[in-house]
Amino acid sequence: MREFKREDLTFWGSMYAEQHKTVQRLNPRVSCFYSGKQAVTTYLLWMLGLIWFIPLPSDAFMTTHMTSRQMIFIRNTVERKGRGGCGLTLFLWAFRLIYKCQGSLLNHISNRNGTTMIWVVNHEEELMELKELYGEKLMGVMTDRPTMLKSYLERV
């Protein structure tokens, strides 16, 4: 990153706390995303109304999404494996509720100079749903389909 002068453009880190700390020690000038534990803790503190009282643990809050398309995909995948039922329905409902309400969390993080991103967004309808739901609160998305993203951004 130093050689190609990308330290101010790159977020790095790890889902795992020890690897995350190692990455931060290697180059503290590079912005880090929340580790898995930091993300879960942030969600819990937000749901309990206590997020105001703690410093943000990293530079970028990255989370997944639960768009309508994603819910259908997860339900179909689990049911194809012969699982599902009430437990799956309850899990999807709870996750979808958190997803729809997390705009205030994204807003809180961005108001405290943090970056907010959602991953992995690979379909235009998901981009439209995220834009409608979060607007300017969402600062970025990660995708496996950059051409689709570029095409979408050129039209909006």
N, C-alpha and C. Protein backbone atom coordinates (compact mmCIF):
# COMPACT_ATOMS: atom_id res chain seq x y z
N MET A 1 0.81 -1.18 0.00
CA MET A 1 0.00 0.00 0.00
C MET A 1 0.86 1.25 0.00
N ARG A 2 1.97 1.20 0.72
CA ARG A 2 2.86 2.36 0.72
C ARG A 2 3.45 2.59 -0.66
N GLU A 3 3.92 1.51 -1.26
CA GLU A 3 4.58 1.61 -2.56
C GLU A 3 3.67 2.24 -3.60
N PHE A 4 2.37 1.89 -3.59
CA PHE A 4 1.43 2.40 -4.59
C PHE A 4 0.61 3.58 -4.07
N LYS A 5 0.98 4.10 -2.91
CA LYS A 5 0.34 5.27 -2.30
C LYS A 5 -1.18 5.09 -2.19
N ARG A 6 -1.59 3.99 -1.56
CA ARG A 6 -3.01 3.69 -1.40
C ARG A 6 -3.43 3.64 0.07
N GLU A 7 -2.56 4.12 0.94
CA GLU A 7 -2.87 4.05 2.37
C GLU A 7 -4.14 4.81 2.73
N ASP A 8 -4.40 5.91 2.04
CA ASP A 8 -5.59 6.70 2.37
C ASP A 8 -6.84 6.23 1.61
N LEU A 9 -6.69 5.22 0.74
CA LEU A 9 -7.80 4.71 -0.06
C LEU A 9 -8.25 3.32 0.34
N THR A 10 -7.50 2.67 1.20
CA THR A 10 -7.73 1.26 1.50
C THR A 10 -8.18 1.08 2.94
N PHE A 11 -9.17 0.20 3.13
CA PHE A 11 -9.56 -0.25 4.46
C PHE A 11 -9.08 -1.67 4.60
N TRP A 12 -8.55 -2.00 5.75
CA TRP A 12 -8.15 -3.38 5.95
C TRP A 12 -8.44 -3.80 7.37
N GLY A 13 -8.29 -5.06 7.61
CA GLY A 13 -8.56 -5.59 8.93
C GLY A 13 -8.88 -7.07 8.81
N SER A 14 -9.47 -7.61 9.84
CA SER A 14 -9.84 -9.01 9.85
C SER A 14 -11.09 -9.19 10.71
N MET A 15 -11.84 -10.19 10.41
CA MET A 15 -13.01 -10.54 11.20
C MET A 15 -12.57 -11.00 12.60
N TYR A 16 -11.36 -11.53 12.69
CA TYR A 16 -10.85 -12.12 13.92
C TYR A 16 -9.99 -11.12 14.68
N ALA A 17 -10.24 -10.99 15.98
CA ALA A 17 -9.63 -9.94 16.80
C ALA A 17 -8.09 -9.94 16.75
N GLU A 18 -7.45 -11.10 16.90
CA GLU A 18 -5.98 -11.13 16.92
C GLU A 18 -5.40 -10.70 15.58
N GLN A 19 -5.95 -11.19 14.49
CA GLN A 19 -5.47 -10.79 13.17
C GLN A 19 -5.72 -9.31 12.94
N HIS A 20 -6.85 -8.83 13.43
CA HIS A 20 -7.21 -7.42 13.29
C HIS A 20 -6.16 -6.54 13.99
N LYS A 21 -5.76 -6.93 15.20
CA LYS A 21 -4.74 -6.17 15.94
C LYS A 21 -3.40 -6.19 15.22
N THR A 22 -3.06 -7.35 14.65
CA THR A 22 -1.79 -7.47 13.91
C THR A 22 -1.78 -6.54 12.71
N VAL A 23 -2.88 -6.49 11.98
CA VAL A 23 -2.98 -5.63 10.81
C VAL A 23 -2.82 -4.17 11.23
N GLN A 24 -3.42 -3.78 12.34
CA GLN A 24 -3.30 -2.40 12.82
C GLN A 24 -1.87 -2.07 13.22
N ARG A 25 -1.16 -3.06 13.81
CA ARG A 25 0.23 -2.84 14.20
C ARG A 25 1.15 -2.70 12.99
N LEU A 26 0.85 -3.42 11.92
CA LEU A 26 1.70 -3.39 10.72
C LEU A 26 1.77 -1.99 10.11
N ASN A 27 0.63 -1.31 10.07
CA ASN A 27 0.61 0.03 9.51
C ASN A 27 -0.56 0.79 10.11
N PRO A 28 -0.34 1.52 11.19
CA PRO A 28 -1.42 2.22 11.87
C PRO A 28 -2.03 3.37 11.07
N ARG A 29 -1.38 3.78 9.97
CA ARG A 29 -1.90 4.88 9.15
C ARG A 29 -3.03 4.43 8.23
N VAL A 30 -3.17 3.14 8.00
CA VAL A 30 -4.22 2.63 7.12
C VAL A 30 -5.50 2.47 7.93
N SER A 31 -6.61 2.90 7.38
CA SER A 31 -7.90 2.78 8.05
C SER A 31 -8.30 1.32 8.18
N CYS A 32 -8.90 0.98 9.30
CA CYS A 32 -9.33 -0.40 9.55
C CYS A 32 -10.84 -0.48 9.65
N PHE A 33 -11.38 -1.61 9.19
CA PHE A 33 -12.79 -1.87 9.41
C PHE A 33 -12.96 -2.61 10.72
N TYR A 34 -14.17 -2.63 11.24
CA TYR A 34 -14.46 -3.26 12.52
C TYR A 34 -14.21 -4.76 12.43
N SER A 35 -13.64 -5.33 13.47
CA SER A 35 -13.53 -6.79 13.54
C SER A 35 -14.94 -7.34 13.80
N GLY A 36 -15.10 -8.64 13.70
CA GLY A 36 -16.40 -9.25 13.95
C GLY A 36 -16.93 -8.93 15.34
N LYS A 37 -16.07 -9.05 16.34
CA LYS A 37 -16.46 -8.77 17.71
C LYS A 37 -16.83 -7.30 17.89
N GLN A 38 -16.05 -6.41 17.27
CA GLN A 38 -16.35 -4.98 17.36
C GLN A 38 -17.69 -4.66 16.71
N ALA A 39 -17.99 -5.29 15.57
CA ALA A 39 -19.26 -5.05 14.88
C ALA A 39 -20.44 -5.53 15.72
N VAL A 40 -20.33 -6.74 16.27
CA VAL A 40 -21.42 -7.28 17.10
C VAL A 40 -21.61 -6.41 18.35
N THR A 41 -20.52 -6.02 18.97
CA THR A 41 -20.59 -5.16 20.16
C THR A 41 -21.25 -3.83 19.81
N THR A 42 -20.89 -3.27 18.67
CA THR A 42 -21.48 -2.00 18.23
C THR A 42 -22.99 -2.15 18.03
N TYR A 43 -23.41 -3.24 17.37
CA TYR A 43 -24.84 -3.48 17.20
C TYR A 43 -25.55 -3.59 18.55
N LEU A 44 -24.97 -4.34 19.48
CA LEU A 44 -25.60 -4.51 20.80
C LEU A 44 -25.70 -3.19 21.55
N LEU A 45 -24.62 -2.41 21.55
CA LEU A 45 -24.65 -1.12 22.23
C LEU A 45 -25.67 -0.18 21.59
N TRP A 46 -25.79 -0.25 20.26
CA TRP A 46 -26.78 0.57 19.55
C TRP A 46 -28.20 0.15 19.95
N MET A 47 -28.46 -1.15 19.97
CA MET A 47 -29.79 -1.64 20.32
C MET A 47 -30.15 -1.31 21.77
N LEU A 48 -29.16 -1.24 22.64
CA LEU A 48 -29.40 -0.91 24.05
C LEU A 48 -29.39 0.60 24.31
N GLY A 49 -29.10 1.38 23.27
CA GLY A 49 -29.07 2.83 23.42
C GLY A 49 -27.83 3.35 24.12
N LEU A 50 -26.77 2.56 24.14
CA LEU A 50 -25.55 2.94 24.86
C LEU A 50 -24.40 3.34 23.95
N ILE A 51 -24.62 3.36 22.65
CA ILE A 51 -23.52 3.62 21.71
C ILE A 51 -22.92 5.02 21.88
N TRP A 52 -23.70 5.93 22.43
CA TRP A 52 -23.23 7.30 22.63
C TRP A 52 -22.06 7.37 23.62
N PHE A 53 -21.95 6.37 24.46
CA PHE A 53 -21.01 6.44 25.57
C PHE A 53 -19.66 5.77 25.31
N ILE A 54 -19.47 5.24 24.13
CA ILE A 54 -18.21 4.54 23.85
C ILE A 54 -17.52 5.16 22.63
N PRO A 55 -16.20 5.10 22.59
CA PRO A 55 -15.51 5.54 21.37
C PRO A 55 -15.71 4.50 20.26
N LEU A 56 -15.75 4.96 19.03
CA LEU A 56 -15.86 4.02 17.92
C LEU A 56 -14.57 3.22 17.81
N PRO A 57 -14.67 1.89 17.67
CA PRO A 57 -13.48 1.04 17.74
C PRO A 57 -12.58 1.06 16.51
N SER A 58 -13.11 1.45 15.36
CA SER A 58 -12.31 1.46 14.13
C SER A 58 -12.84 2.55 13.21
N ASP A 59 -12.29 2.60 12.01
CA ASP A 59 -12.62 3.67 11.07
C ASP A 59 -13.85 3.38 10.20
N ALA A 60 -14.05 2.12 9.84
CA ALA A 60 -15.10 1.78 8.89
C ALA A 60 -16.00 0.67 9.43
N PHE A 61 -17.29 0.95 9.47
CA PHE A 61 -18.27 -0.04 9.89
C PHE A 61 -18.82 -0.70 8.63
N MET A 62 -18.49 -1.97 8.46
CA MET A 62 -18.97 -2.72 7.30
C MET A 62 -19.91 -3.80 7.79
N THR A 63 -21.03 -3.88 7.14
CA THR A 63 -22.03 -4.86 7.53
C THR A 63 -22.67 -5.47 6.29
N THR A 64 -23.33 -6.58 6.48
CA THR A 64 -24.05 -7.20 5.38
C THR A 64 -25.43 -6.57 5.28
N HIS A 65 -26.22 -7.05 4.39
CA HIS A 65 -27.55 -6.49 4.20
C HIS A 65 -28.59 -7.60 4.16
N MET A 66 -29.84 -7.20 4.28
CA MET A 66 -30.94 -8.16 4.19
C MET A 66 -32.02 -7.55 3.30
N THR A 67 -31.66 -7.33 2.03
CA THR A 67 -32.63 -6.82 1.09
C THR A 67 -33.66 -7.91 0.81
N SER A 68 -34.74 -7.54 0.15
CA SER A 68 -35.79 -8.51 -0.19
C SER A 68 -35.19 -9.67 -0.98
N ARG A 69 -34.34 -9.35 -1.92
CA ARG A 69 -33.70 -10.38 -2.75
C ARG A 69 -32.85 -11.32 -1.89
N GLN A 70 -32.13 -10.76 -0.95
CA GLN A 70 -31.26 -11.55 -0.07
C GLN A 70 -32.09 -12.49 0.80
N MET A 71 -33.22 -11.99 1.31
CA MET A 71 -34.09 -12.83 2.15
C MET A 71 -34.59 -14.05 1.37
N ILE A 72 -35.02 -13.82 0.14
CA ILE A 72 -35.51 -14.91 -0.70
C ILE A 72 -34.39 -15.91 -0.97
N PHE A 73 -33.20 -15.41 -1.27
CA PHE A 73 -32.05 -16.27 -1.55
C PHE A 73 -31.72 -17.15 -0.34
N ILE A 74 -31.67 -16.56 0.85
CA ILE A 74 -31.34 -17.32 2.06
C ILE A 74 -32.41 -18.36 2.35
N ARG A 75 -33.67 -17.95 2.28
CA ARG A 75 -34.77 -18.88 2.54
C ARG A 75 -34.71 -20.07 1.57
N ASN A 76 -34.55 -19.80 0.28
CA ASN A 76 -34.49 -20.87 -0.71
C ASN A 76 -33.30 -21.79 -0.50
N THR A 77 -32.15 -21.22 -0.18
CA THR A 77 -30.94 -22.02 0.06
C THR A 77 -31.12 -22.95 1.26
N VAL A 78 -31.64 -22.42 2.35
CA VAL A 78 -31.83 -23.23 3.56
C VAL A 78 -32.90 -24.30 3.33
N GLU A 79 -33.99 -23.94 2.69
CA GLU A 79 -35.06 -24.91 2.46
C GLU A 79 -34.63 -26.02 1.50
N ARG A 80 -33.77 -25.69 0.54
CA ARG A 80 -33.24 -26.72 -0.37
C ARG A 80 -32.44 -27.76 0.38
N LYS A 81 -31.83 -27.35 1.49
CA LYS A 81 -31.04 -28.28 2.29
C LYS A 81 -31.90 -29.03 3.30
N GLY A 82 -33.23 -28.86 3.20
CA GLY A 82 -34.14 -29.59 4.07
C GLY A 82 -34.30 -28.98 5.45
N ARG A 83 -33.95 -27.73 5.58
CA ARG A 83 -34.10 -27.04 6.86
C ARG A 83 -35.09 -25.91 6.68
N GLY A 84 -35.32 -25.18 7.73
CA GLY A 84 -36.23 -24.04 7.63
C GLY A 84 -37.22 -24.06 8.77
N GLY A 85 -38.46 -23.76 8.47
CA GLY A 85 -39.50 -23.75 9.48
C GLY A 85 -39.56 -22.46 10.26
N CYS A 86 -40.13 -22.56 11.45
CA CYS A 86 -40.36 -21.38 12.30
C CYS A 86 -39.07 -20.70 12.72
N GLY A 87 -38.04 -21.48 13.03
CA GLY A 87 -36.77 -20.90 13.46
C GLY A 87 -36.17 -20.00 12.38
N LEU A 88 -36.19 -20.48 11.15
CA LEU A 88 -35.67 -19.69 10.03
C LEU A 88 -36.50 -18.43 9.84
N THR A 89 -37.81 -18.58 9.88
CA THR A 89 -38.70 -17.43 9.71
C THR A 89 -38.43 -16.38 10.78
N LEU A 90 -38.28 -16.80 12.02
CA LEU A 90 -38.01 -15.87 13.12
C LEU A 90 -36.66 -15.18 12.93
N PHE A 91 -35.63 -15.96 12.57
CA PHE A 91 -34.30 -15.39 12.34
C PHE A 91 -34.35 -14.35 11.22
N LEU A 92 -34.96 -14.69 10.09
CA LEU A 92 -35.02 -13.76 8.96
C LEU A 92 -35.81 -12.51 9.33
N TRP A 93 -36.90 -12.68 10.07
CA TRP A 93 -37.71 -11.54 10.49
C TRP A 93 -36.88 -10.61 11.38
N ALA A 94 -36.17 -11.16 12.36
CA ALA A 94 -35.36 -10.36 13.28
C ALA A 94 -34.23 -9.66 12.54
N PHE A 95 -33.55 -10.39 11.66
CA PHE A 95 -32.45 -9.81 10.91
C PHE A 95 -32.95 -8.70 10.00
N ARG A 96 -34.09 -8.91 9.38
CA ARG A 96 -34.68 -7.90 8.49
C ARG A 96 -35.09 -6.66 9.28
N LEU A 97 -35.61 -6.84 10.48
CA LEU A 97 -35.99 -5.71 11.33
C LEU A 97 -34.76 -4.87 11.68
N ILE A 98 -33.69 -5.53 12.08
CA ILE A 98 -32.44 -4.82 12.39
C ILE A 98 -31.94 -4.08 11.15
N TYR A 99 -31.98 -4.74 10.02
CA TYR A 99 -31.53 -4.15 8.76
C TYR A 99 -32.33 -2.89 8.44
N LYS A 100 -33.64 -2.94 8.61
CA LYS A 100 -34.48 -1.77 8.28
C LYS A 100 -34.28 -0.62 9.26
N CYS A 101 -33.90 -0.93 10.48
CA CYS A 101 -33.73 0.09 11.52
C CYS A 101 -32.31 0.63 11.62
N GLN A 102 -31.35 -0.02 10.98
CA GLN A 102 -29.95 0.36 11.21
C GLN A 102 -29.56 1.68 10.56
N GLY A 103 -30.47 2.34 9.89
CA GLY A 103 -30.16 3.66 9.34
C GLY A 103 -29.69 4.62 10.43
N SER A 104 -30.31 4.55 11.60
CA SER A 104 -29.89 5.43 12.70
C SER A 104 -28.48 5.09 13.18
N LEU A 105 -28.12 3.81 13.13
CA LEU A 105 -26.76 3.41 13.49
C LEU A 105 -25.76 3.95 12.47
N LEU A 106 -26.08 3.79 11.19
CA LEU A 106 -25.19 4.29 10.13
C LEU A 106 -25.04 5.81 10.25
N ASN A 107 -26.14 6.49 10.54
CA ASN A 107 -26.12 7.93 10.70
C ASN A 107 -25.25 8.32 11.90
N HIS A 108 -25.40 7.60 13.00
CA HIS A 108 -24.60 7.87 14.20
C HIS A 108 -23.11 7.72 13.89
N ILE A 109 -22.75 6.64 13.22
CA ILE A 109 -21.34 6.40 12.91
C ILE A 109 -20.80 7.47 11.98
N SER A 110 -21.56 7.83 10.94
CA SER A 110 -21.07 8.86 10.01
C SER A 110 -20.99 10.22 10.69
N ASN A 111 -21.91 10.52 11.61
CA ASN A 111 -21.85 11.79 12.36
C ASN A 111 -20.61 11.85 13.26
N ARG A 112 -20.08 10.69 13.61
CA ARG A 112 -18.86 10.65 14.42
C ARG A 112 -17.62 10.41 13.55
N ASN A 113 -17.73 10.78 12.28
CA ASN A 113 -16.65 10.71 11.30
C ASN A 113 -16.21 9.29 10.96
N GLY A 114 -17.09 8.33 11.12
CA GLY A 114 -16.80 6.97 10.71
C GLY A 114 -17.34 6.74 9.30
N THR A 115 -16.84 5.73 8.65
CA THR A 115 -17.29 5.36 7.31
C THR A 115 -18.24 4.17 7.44
N THR A 116 -19.29 4.16 6.63
CA THR A 116 -20.25 3.06 6.66
C THR A 116 -20.35 2.42 5.29
N MET A 117 -20.29 1.09 5.26
CA MET A 117 -20.36 0.35 4.00
C MET A 117 -21.16 -0.92 4.18
N ILE A 118 -21.77 -1.37 3.10
CA ILE A 118 -22.50 -2.64 3.11
C ILE A 118 -21.90 -3.55 2.06
N TRP A 119 -21.80 -4.83 2.40
CA TRP A 119 -21.27 -5.82 1.48
C TRP A 119 -22.24 -6.97 1.39
N VAL A 120 -22.17 -7.77 0.52
CA VAL A 120 -21.78 -7.73 -0.87
C VAL A 120 -23.05 -7.45 -1.66
N VAL A 121 -23.04 -6.40 -2.43
CA VAL A 121 -24.21 -5.96 -3.20
C VAL A 121 -23.93 -6.24 -4.67
N ASN A 122 -24.59 -7.26 -5.22
CA ASN A 122 -24.29 -7.69 -6.58
C ASN A 122 -25.44 -7.52 -7.57
N HIS A 123 -26.53 -6.90 -7.16
CA HIS A 123 -27.67 -6.74 -8.05
C HIS A 123 -28.20 -5.31 -7.96
N GLU A 124 -28.58 -4.78 -9.10
CA GLU A 124 -29.05 -3.41 -9.18
C GLU A 124 -30.27 -3.16 -8.29
N GLU A 125 -31.18 -4.13 -8.22
CA GLU A 125 -32.36 -3.94 -7.37
C GLU A 125 -31.97 -3.79 -5.90
N GLU A 126 -30.89 -4.45 -5.49
CA GLU A 126 -30.40 -4.28 -4.12
C GLU A 126 -29.85 -2.88 -3.92
N LEU A 127 -29.12 -2.37 -4.90
CA LEU A 127 -28.60 -1.00 -4.82
C LEU A 127 -29.74 -0.01 -4.68
N MET A 128 -30.80 -0.20 -5.45
CA MET A 128 -31.95 0.71 -5.38
C MET A 128 -32.62 0.65 -4.01
N GLU A 129 -32.78 -0.57 -3.47
CA GLU A 129 -33.39 -0.73 -2.15
C GLU A 129 -32.53 -0.09 -1.06
N LEU A 130 -31.21 -0.29 -1.14
CA LEU A 130 -30.30 0.31 -0.15
C LEU A 130 -30.32 1.83 -0.23
N LYS A 131 -30.33 2.36 -1.46
CA LYS A 131 -30.37 3.82 -1.64
C LYS A 131 -31.67 4.39 -1.07
N GLU A 132 -32.78 3.72 -1.32
CA GLU A 132 -34.06 4.17 -0.81
C GLU A 132 -34.11 4.11 0.73
N LEU A 133 -33.56 3.06 1.28
CA LEU A 133 -33.63 2.85 2.72
C LEU A 133 -32.65 3.73 3.50
N TYR A 134 -31.42 3.87 3.01
CA TYR A 134 -30.37 4.57 3.77
C TYR A 134 -29.95 5.92 3.20
N GLY A 135 -30.14 6.15 1.93
CA GLY A 135 -29.76 7.42 1.32
C GLY A 135 -28.30 7.75 1.57
N GLU A 136 -28.06 8.96 2.05
CA GLU A 136 -26.69 9.45 2.26
C GLU A 136 -26.00 8.84 3.48
N LYS A 137 -26.75 8.12 4.32
CA LYS A 137 -26.15 7.51 5.50
C LYS A 137 -25.15 6.41 5.12
N LEU A 138 -25.40 5.81 3.97
CA LEU A 138 -24.53 4.74 3.48
C LEU A 138 -23.47 5.35 2.57
N MET A 139 -22.21 5.18 2.94
CA MET A 139 -21.12 5.83 2.21
C MET A 139 -20.53 4.96 1.12
N GLY A 140 -20.74 3.65 1.20
CA GLY A 140 -20.15 2.79 0.18
C GLY A 140 -20.74 1.40 0.20
N VAL A 141 -20.52 0.71 -0.90
CA VAL A 141 -20.91 -0.69 -1.01
C VAL A 141 -19.73 -1.46 -1.59
N MET A 142 -19.68 -2.72 -1.26
CA MET A 142 -18.69 -3.61 -1.88
C MET A 142 -19.46 -4.55 -2.80
N THR A 143 -18.86 -4.84 -3.92
CA THR A 143 -19.53 -5.68 -4.90
C THR A 143 -18.52 -6.58 -5.60
N ASP A 144 -19.04 -7.69 -6.12
CA ASP A 144 -18.24 -8.56 -6.99
C ASP A 144 -18.45 -8.18 -8.45
N ARG A 145 -19.33 -7.18 -8.68
CA ARG A 145 -19.70 -6.79 -10.04
C ARG A 145 -19.50 -5.28 -10.24
N PRO A 146 -18.24 -4.84 -10.33
CA PRO A 146 -17.97 -3.40 -10.46
C PRO A 146 -18.56 -2.77 -11.72
N THR A 147 -18.67 -3.54 -12.80
CA THR A 147 -19.25 -2.99 -14.04
C THR A 147 -20.72 -2.66 -13.82
N MET A 148 -21.44 -3.53 -13.13
CA MET A 148 -22.84 -3.27 -12.82
C MET A 148 -22.97 -2.03 -11.95
N LEU A 149 -22.11 -1.90 -10.95
CA LEU A 149 -22.14 -0.75 -10.05
C LEU A 149 -21.86 0.54 -10.83
N LYS A 150 -20.86 0.52 -11.68
CA LYS A 150 -20.52 1.69 -12.48
C LYS A 150 -21.68 2.10 -13.37
N SER A 151 -22.29 1.12 -14.02
CA SER A 151 -23.44 1.39 -14.88
C SER A 151 -24.59 2.01 -14.10
N TYR A 152 -24.87 1.48 -12.93
CA TYR A 152 -25.93 2.01 -12.08
C TYR A 152 -25.63 3.45 -11.67
N LEU A 153 -24.41 3.71 -11.24
CA LEU A 153 -24.02 5.04 -10.78
C LEU A 153 -24.07 6.07 -11.90
N GLU A 154 -23.79 5.65 -13.12
CA GLU A 154 -23.85 6.56 -14.25
C GLU A 154 -25.29 6.98 -14.57
N ARG A 155 -26.26 6.12 -14.23
CA ARG A 155 -27.67 6.41 -14.52
C ARG A 155 -28.36 7.21 -13.41
N VAL A 156 -27.87 7.14 -12.18
CA VAL A 156 -28.55 7.85 -11.08
C VAL A 156 -27.89 9.16 -10.74
